[in-house]
Amino acid sequence: KGVTYQLEYGTDTLEIHEDAIKSNQKVLMVDDVLATGGTMAACCRLVESMGGVIVGCAFLVELTFLKGRKSLEGREVFSLIQY
């Protein structure tokens, strides 16, 4: 299963194996950097389209000046370091 999403300079596609997420399975999304939030938002949509429940989005570093949290409104977002 896959989802295509818009980047600042084009498009990209994320894919996941069809049996990777079970219905109502709780999922914590983790990535290294939160920039614009587009990739994580697409990942969340993909997991939710498979029946998963996003419990939060966690990042090591957040580039606050890019306002990536706006793309993830309504979700729990945690970042260890903010620049």
C-alpha atoms as a PDB file:
ATOM      1  CA  LYS A   1       0.000   0.000   0.000  1.00  0.00           C
ATOM      2  CA  GLY A   2       1.312   3.478  -0.766  1.00  0.00           C
ATOM      3  CA  VAL A   3       0.655   7.198  -0.562  1.00  0.00           C
ATOM      4  CA  THR A   4       2.008   9.948  -2.809  1.00  0.00           C
ATOM      5  CA  TYR A   5       2.499  13.398  -1.298  1.00  0.00           C
ATOM      6  CA  GLN A   6       3.703  16.841  -2.330  1.00  0.00           C
ATOM      7  CA  LEU A   7       7.209  18.063  -1.579  1.00  0.00           C
ATOM      8  CA  GLU A   8       8.462  21.629  -1.951  1.00  0.00           C
ATOM      9  CA  TYR A   9      10.173  20.569  -5.198  1.00  0.00           C
ATOM     10  CA  GLY A  10       7.995  17.719  -6.532  1.00  0.00           C
ATOM     11  CA  THR A  11       6.305  14.578  -5.238  1.00  0.00           C
ATOM     12  CA  ASP A  12       7.357  11.445  -3.428  1.00  0.00           C
ATOM     13  CA  THR A  13       5.729   8.118  -2.580  1.00  0.00           C
ATOM     14  CA  LEU A  14       5.835   6.145   0.660  1.00  0.00           C
ATOM     15  CA  GLU A  15       4.981   2.455   0.763  1.00  0.00           C
ATOM     16  CA  ILE A  16       4.263  -0.077   3.498  1.00  0.00           C
ATOM     17  CA  HIS A  17       3.624  -3.813   3.385  1.00  0.00           C
ATOM     18  CA  GLU A  18      -0.122  -4.537   3.390  1.00  0.00           C
ATOM     19  CA  ASP A  19      -0.033  -6.629   6.572  1.00  0.00           C
ATOM     20  CA  ALA A  20       2.312  -4.349   8.563  1.00  0.00           C
ATOM     21  CA  ILE A  21      -0.488  -2.625  10.500  1.00  0.00           C
ATOM     22  CA  LYS A  22      -3.500  -4.326  12.052  1.00  0.00           C
ATOM     23  CA  SER A  23      -6.872  -2.630  12.518  1.00  0.00           C
ATOM     24  CA  ASN A  24      -6.894  -0.438  15.666  1.00  0.00           C
ATOM     25  CA  GLN A  25      -3.192  -1.075  16.277  1.00  0.00           C
ATOM     26  CA  LYS A  26      -1.594   1.831  18.168  1.00  0.00           C
ATOM     27  CA  VAL A  27       1.422   3.319  16.391  1.00  0.00           C
ATOM     28  CA  LEU A  28       4.053   5.808  17.556  1.00  0.00           C
ATOM     29  CA  MET A  29       5.577   7.520  14.536  1.00  0.00           C
ATOM     30  CA  VAL A  30       9.310   8.334  14.919  1.00  0.00           C
ATOM     31  CA  ASP A  31      11.604  10.318  12.620  1.00  0.00           C
ATOM     32  CA  ASP A  32      14.918  12.098  13.007  1.00  0.00           C
ATOM     33  CA  VAL A  33      13.931  15.625  11.909  1.00  0.00           C
ATOM     34  CA  LEU A  34      10.662  17.577  11.806  1.00  0.00           C
ATOM     35  CA  ALA A  35      11.033  20.195   9.080  1.00  0.00           C
ATOM     36  CA  THR A  36       7.879  21.074   7.107  1.00  0.00           C
ATOM     37  CA  GLY A  37       5.981  18.027   8.390  1.00  0.00           C
ATOM     38  CA  GLY A  38       4.908  16.795   4.956  1.00  0.00           C
ATOM     39  CA  THR A  39       6.596  13.420   5.133  1.00  0.00           C
ATOM     40  CA  MET A  40       5.298  12.633   8.618  1.00  0.00           C
ATOM     41  CA  ALA A  41       1.781  13.778   7.696  1.00  0.00           C
ATOM     42  CA  ALA A  42       1.865  11.415   4.702  1.00  0.00           C
ATOM     43  CA  CYS A  43       3.146   8.563   6.897  1.00  0.00           C
ATOM     44  CA  CYS A  44       0.315   9.157   9.356  1.00  0.00           C
ATOM     45  CA  ARG A  45      -2.269   9.115   6.559  1.00  0.00           C
ATOM     46  CA  LEU A  46      -0.808   5.863   5.260  1.00  0.00           C
ATOM     47  CA  VAL A  47      -0.924   4.147   8.657  1.00  0.00           C
ATOM     48  CA  GLU A  48      -4.457   5.415   9.304  1.00  0.00           C
ATOM     49  CA  SER A  49      -5.626   4.209   5.870  1.00  0.00           C
ATOM     50  CA  MET A  50      -4.621   0.730   7.043  1.00  0.00           C
ATOM     51  CA  GLY A  51      -6.654   1.048  10.240  1.00  0.00           C
ATOM     52  CA  GLY A  52      -3.803   2.063  12.548  1.00  0.00           C
ATOM     53  CA  VAL A  53      -4.261   4.611  15.341  1.00  0.00           C
ATOM     54  CA  ILE A  54      -1.497   7.233  15.644  1.00  0.00           C
ATOM     55  CA  VAL A  55      -0.703   7.842  19.322  1.00  0.00           C
ATOM     56  CA  GLY A  56       1.986  10.453  18.627  1.00  0.00           C
ATOM     57  CA  CYS A  57       4.782  11.731  16.438  1.00  0.00           C
ATOM     58  CA  ALA A  58       8.279  11.899  17.939  1.00  0.00           C
ATOM     59  CA  PHE A  59      11.385  13.587  16.550  1.00  0.00           C
ATOM     60  CA  LEU A  60      14.984  13.998  17.639  1.00  0.00           C
ATOM     61  CA  VAL A  61      15.264  17.520  16.149  1.00  0.00           C
ATOM     62  CA  GLU A  62      12.588  20.067  15.220  1.00  0.00           C
ATOM     63  CA  LEU A  63      13.345  23.017  12.936  1.00  0.00           C
ATOM     64  CA  THR A  64      10.740  25.340  14.458  1.00  0.00           C
ATOM     65  CA  PHE A  65      11.134  28.102  11.859  1.00  0.00           C
ATOM     66  CA  LEU A  66       9.653  25.757   9.219  1.00  0.00           C
ATOM     67  CA  LYS A  67       6.441  25.343  11.271  1.00  0.00           C
ATOM     68  CA  GLY A  68       6.143  21.578  10.670  1.00  0.00           C
ATOM     69  CA  ARG A  69       3.753  21.142  13.599  1.00  0.00           C
ATOM     70  CA  LYS A  70       1.112  22.922  11.519  1.00  0.00           C
ATOM     71  CA  SER A  71       1.068  19.912   9.138  1.00  0.00           C
ATOM     72  CA  LEU A  72       0.492  17.653  12.151  1.00  0.00           C
ATOM     73  CA  GLU A  73      -2.265  19.652  13.878  1.00  0.00           C
ATOM     74  CA  GLY A  74      -4.475  17.500  16.085  1.00  0.00           C
ATOM     75  CA  ARG A  75      -1.654  15.049  16.789  1.00  0.00           C
ATOM     76  CA  GLU A  76       0.641  14.690  19.798  1.00  0.00           C
ATOM     77  CA  VAL A  77       4.068  15.940  18.678  1.00  0.00           C
ATOM     78  CA  PHE A  78       7.270  15.621  20.714  1.00  0.00           C
ATOM     79  CA  SER A  79      10.759  16.783  19.785  1.00  0.00           C
ATOM     80  CA  LEU A  80      13.855  16.409  21.925  1.00  0.00           C
ATOM     81  CA  ILE A  81      15.757  19.402  20.468  1.00  0.00           C
ATOM     82  CA  GLN A  82      14.279  22.527  18.871  1.00  0.00           C
ATOM     83  CA  TYR A  83      16.192  24.942  16.613  1.00  0.00           C
END
